[in-house]
Amino acid sequence: MKEEEMMDIADYLHRVLEACEDAAAVAKIRGEVHAFSRKFPLPF
């Protein structure tokens, strides 16, 4: 991961903390995070 990906992660965290009361928004962010994490598979 590089600086750009770290900025994306910070953005996900900020957005989910802001929307913690909105289940639909949290679910949308969860999907985005899941798609993002597929770029970085674990080596095992």
PDB file of N, CA and C in Angstrom:
ATOM      1  N   MET A   1       0.834  -1.180   0.000  1.00  0.00           N
ATOM      2  CA  MET A   1       0.000   0.000   0.000  1.00  0.00           C
ATOM      3  C   MET A   1       0.877   1.242   0.000  1.00  0.00           C
ATOM      4  N   LYS A   2       0.343   2.247  -0.627  1.00  0.00           N
ATOM      5  CA  LYS A   2       1.048   3.520  -0.706  1.00  0.00           C
ATOM      6  C   LYS A   2       0.197   4.606  -0.046  1.00  0.00           C
ATOM      7  N   GLU A   3       0.672   5.828  -0.126  1.00  0.00           N
ATOM      8  CA  GLU A   3      -0.010   6.950   0.523  1.00  0.00           C
ATOM      9  C   GLU A   3      -1.447   7.116   0.019  1.00  0.00           C
ATOM     10  N   GLU A   4      -1.668   6.922  -1.278  1.00  0.00           N
ATOM     11  CA  GLU A   4      -3.015   7.079  -1.840  1.00  0.00           C
ATOM     12  C   GLU A   4      -4.008   6.112  -1.192  1.00  0.00           C
ATOM     13  N   GLU A   5      -3.591   4.872  -1.012  1.00  0.00           N
ATOM     14  CA  GLU A   5      -4.472   3.885  -0.376  1.00  0.00           C
ATOM     15  C   GLU A   5      -4.724   4.228   1.094  1.00  0.00           C
ATOM     16  N   MET A   6      -3.730   4.776   1.766  1.00  0.00           N
ATOM     17  CA  MET A   6      -3.911   5.177   3.157  1.00  0.00           C
ATOM     18  C   MET A   6      -4.934   6.310   3.260  1.00  0.00           C
ATOM     19  N   MET A   7      -4.922   7.199   2.285  1.00  0.00           N
ATOM     20  CA  MET A   7      -5.920   8.279   2.255  1.00  0.00           C
ATOM     21  C   MET A   7      -7.319   7.688   2.049  1.00  0.00           C
ATOM     22  N   ASP A   8      -7.424   6.664   1.199  1.00  0.00           N
ATOM     23  CA  ASP A   8      -8.711   5.994   0.987  1.00  0.00           C
ATOM     24  C   ASP A   8      -9.208   5.361   2.280  1.00  0.00           C
ATOM     25  N   ILE A   9      -8.304   4.691   2.998  1.00  0.00           N
ATOM     26  CA  ILE A   9      -8.676   4.044   4.257  1.00  0.00           C
ATOM     27  C   ILE A   9      -9.139   5.088   5.274  1.00  0.00           C
ATOM     28  N   ALA A  10      -8.422   6.189   5.360  1.00  0.00           N
ATOM     29  CA  ALA A  10      -8.826   7.261   6.272  1.00  0.00           C
ATOM     30  C   ALA A  10     -10.203   7.800   5.894  1.00  0.00           C
ATOM     31  N   ASP A  11     -10.461   7.905   4.602  1.00  0.00           N
ATOM     32  CA  ASP A  11     -11.764   8.378   4.137  1.00  0.00           C
ATOM     33  C   ASP A  11     -12.870   7.401   4.536  1.00  0.00           C
ATOM     34  N   TYR A  12     -12.627   6.102   4.373  1.00  0.00           N
ATOM     35  CA  TYR A  12     -13.634   5.104   4.790  1.00  0.00           C
ATOM     36  C   TYR A  12     -13.927   5.240   6.281  1.00  0.00           C
ATOM     37  N   LEU A  13     -12.864   5.365   7.084  1.00  0.00           N
ATOM     38  CA  LEU A  13     -13.052   5.492   8.524  1.00  0.00           C
ATOM     39  C   LEU A  13     -13.853   6.744   8.874  1.00  0.00           C
ATOM     40  N   HIS A  14     -13.503   7.837   8.265  1.00  0.00           N
ATOM     41  CA  HIS A  14     -14.206   9.092   8.543  1.00  0.00           C
ATOM     42  C   HIS A  14     -15.672   8.982   8.158  1.00  0.00           C
ATOM     43  N   ARG A  15     -15.936   8.462   6.968  1.00  0.00           N
ATOM     44  CA  ARG A  15     -17.315   8.356   6.498  1.00  0.00           C
ATOM     45  C   ARG A  15     -18.153   7.435   7.380  1.00  0.00           C
ATOM     46  N   VAL A  16     -17.599   6.308   7.805  1.00  0.00           N
ATOM     47  CA  VAL A  16     -18.379   5.377   8.612  1.00  0.00           C
ATOM     48  C   VAL A  16     -18.607   5.943  10.016  1.00  0.00           C
ATOM     49  N   LEU A  17     -17.648   6.682  10.545  1.00  0.00           N
ATOM     50  CA  LEU A  17     -17.857   7.309  11.853  1.00  0.00           C
ATOM     51  C   LEU A  17     -18.922   8.399  11.776  1.00  0.00           C
ATOM     52  N   GLU A  18     -18.962   9.122  10.687  1.00  0.00           N
ATOM     53  CA  GLU A  18     -19.969  10.162  10.491  1.00  0.00           C
ATOM     54  C   GLU A  18     -21.365   9.557  10.295  1.00  0.00           C
ATOM     55  N   ALA A  19     -21.432   8.358   9.699  1.00  0.00           N
ATOM     56  CA  ALA A  19     -22.713   7.755   9.344  1.00  0.00           C
ATOM     57  C   ALA A  19     -23.077   6.573  10.242  1.00  0.00           C
ATOM     58  N   CYS A  20     -22.496   6.496  11.421  1.00  0.00           N
ATOM     59  CA  CYS A  20     -22.694   5.306  12.258  1.00  0.00           C
ATOM     60  C   CYS A  20     -24.152   5.045  12.620  1.00  0.00           C
ATOM     61  N   GLU A  21     -24.998   6.045  12.563  1.00  0.00           N
ATOM     62  CA  GLU A  21     -26.419   5.868  12.872  1.00  0.00           C
ATOM     63  C   GLU A  21     -27.242   5.455  11.645  1.00  0.00           C
ATOM     64  N   ASP A  22     -26.643   5.508  10.469  1.00  0.00           N
ATOM     65  CA  ASP A  22     -27.338   5.236   9.212  1.00  0.00           C
ATOM     66  C   ASP A  22     -26.897   3.876   8.670  1.00  0.00           C
ATOM     67  N   ALA A  23     -27.694   2.849   8.922  1.00  0.00           N
ATOM     68  CA  ALA A  23     -27.330   1.484   8.549  1.00  0.00           C
ATOM     69  C   ALA A  23     -27.126   1.330   7.048  1.00  0.00           C
ATOM     70  N   ALA A  24     -27.911   2.008   6.246  1.00  0.00           N
ATOM     71  CA  ALA A  24     -27.771   1.903   4.791  1.00  0.00           C
ATOM     72  C   ALA A  24     -26.437   2.490   4.327  1.00  0.00           C
ATOM     73  N   ALA A  25     -26.067   3.622   4.903  1.00  0.00           N
ATOM     74  CA  ALA A  25     -24.791   4.246   4.539  1.00  0.00           C
ATOM     75  C   ALA A  25     -23.621   3.367   4.966  1.00  0.00           C
ATOM     76  N   VAL A  26     -23.701   2.798   6.157  1.00  0.00           N
ATOM     77  CA  VAL A  26     -22.642   1.918   6.644  1.00  0.00           C
ATOM     78  C   VAL A  26     -22.521   0.688   5.752  1.00  0.00           C
ATOM     79  N   ALA A  27     -23.648   0.139   5.328  1.00  0.00           N
ATOM     80  CA  ALA A  27     -23.626  -1.021   4.433  1.00  0.00           C
ATOM     81  C   ALA A  27     -22.974  -0.666   3.094  1.00  0.00           C
ATOM     82  N   LYS A  28     -23.255   0.522   2.589  1.00  0.00           N
ATOM     83  CA  LYS A  28     -22.652   0.962   1.324  1.00  0.00           C
ATOM     84  C   LYS A  28     -21.145   1.083   1.473  1.00  0.00           C
ATOM     85  N   ILE A  29     -20.698   1.679   2.561  1.00  0.00           N
ATOM     86  CA  ILE A  29     -19.264   1.831   2.809  1.00  0.00           C
ATOM     87  C   ILE A  29     -18.617   0.464   2.980  1.00  0.00           C
ATOM     88  N   ARG A  30     -19.300  -0.441   3.664  1.00  0.00           N
ATOM     89  CA  ARG A  30     -18.786  -1.799   3.850  1.00  0.00           C
ATOM     90  C   ARG A  30     -18.514  -2.453   2.496  1.00  0.00           C
ATOM     91  N   GLY A  31     -19.429  -2.277   1.552  1.00  0.00           N
ATOM     92  CA  GLY A  31     -19.233  -2.824   0.213  1.00  0.00           C
ATOM     93  C   GLY A  31     -18.030  -2.212  -0.485  1.00  0.00           C
ATOM     94  N   GLU A  32     -17.853  -0.912  -0.315  1.00  0.00           N
ATOM     95  CA  GLU A  32     -16.703  -0.235  -0.914  1.00  0.00           C
ATOM     96  C   GLU A  32     -15.395  -0.751  -0.312  1.00  0.00           C
ATOM     97  N   VAL A  33     -15.389  -0.937   1.001  1.00  0.00           N
ATOM     98  CA  VAL A  33     -14.195  -1.437   1.677  1.00  0.00           C
ATOM     99  C   VAL A  33     -13.893  -2.862   1.219  1.00  0.00           C
ATOM    100  N   HIS A  34     -14.919  -3.661   1.071  1.00  0.00           N
ATOM    101  CA  HIS A  34     -14.729  -5.042   0.611  1.00  0.00           C
ATOM    102  C   HIS A  34     -14.106  -5.047  -0.784  1.00  0.00           C
ATOM    103  N   ALA A  35     -14.618  -4.222  -1.683  1.00  0.00           N
ATOM    104  CA  ALA A  35     -14.065  -4.133  -3.039  1.00  0.00           C
ATOM    105  C   ALA A  35     -12.622  -3.627  -2.998  1.00  0.00           C
ATOM    106  N   PHE A  36     -12.357  -2.633  -2.173  1.00  0.00           N
ATOM    107  CA  PHE A  36     -11.010  -2.085  -2.020  1.00  0.00           C
ATOM    108  C   PHE A  36     -10.041  -3.162  -1.533  1.00  0.00           C
ATOM    109  N   SER A  37     -10.459  -3.939  -0.542  1.00  0.00           N
ATOM    110  CA  SER A  37      -9.567  -4.926   0.067  1.00  0.00           C
ATOM    111  C   SER A  37      -9.210  -6.064  -0.887  1.00  0.00           C
ATOM    112  N   ARG A  38      -9.991  -6.271  -1.925  1.00  0.00           N
ATOM    113  CA  ARG A  38      -9.670  -7.314  -2.905  1.00  0.00           C
ATOM    114  C   ARG A  38      -8.390  -6.992  -3.681  1.00  0.00           C
ATOM    115  N   LYS A  39      -7.982  -5.738  -3.683  1.00  0.00           N
ATOM    116  CA  LYS A  39      -6.732  -5.351  -4.360  1.00  0.00           C
ATOM    117  C   LYS A  39      -5.508  -5.852  -3.596  1.00  0.00           C
ATOM    118  N   PHE A  40      -5.697  -6.243  -2.343  1.00  0.00           N
ATOM    119  CA  PHE A  40      -4.578  -6.598  -1.471  1.00  0.00           C
ATOM    120  C   PHE A  40      -4.827  -7.951  -0.814  1.00  0.00           C
ATOM    121  N   PRO A  41      -4.750  -9.032  -1.605  1.00  0.00           N
ATOM    122  CA  PRO A  41      -5.018 -10.357  -1.032  1.00  0.00           C
ATOM    123  C   PRO A  41      -3.930 -10.787  -0.039  1.00  0.00           C
ATOM    124  N   LEU A  42      -4.335 -11.541   0.937  1.00  0.00           N
ATOM    125  CA  LEU A  42      -3.370 -12.075   1.913  1.00  0.00           C
ATOM    126  C   LEU A  42      -2.578 -13.195   1.247  1.00  0.00           C
ATOM    127  N   PRO A  43      -1.313 -13.352   1.602  1.00  0.00           N
ATOM    128  CA  PRO A  43      -0.453 -14.316   0.917  1.00  0.00           C
ATOM    129  C   PRO A  43      -0.629 -15.764   1.351  1.00  0.00           C
ATOM    130  N   PHE A  44      -1.616 -16.064   2.148  1.00  0.00           N
ATOM    131  CA  PHE A  44      -1.795 -17.470   2.568  1.00  0.00           C
ATOM    132  C   PHE A  44      -3.132 -17.991   2.181  1.00  0.00           C
TER     133      PHE A  44
END
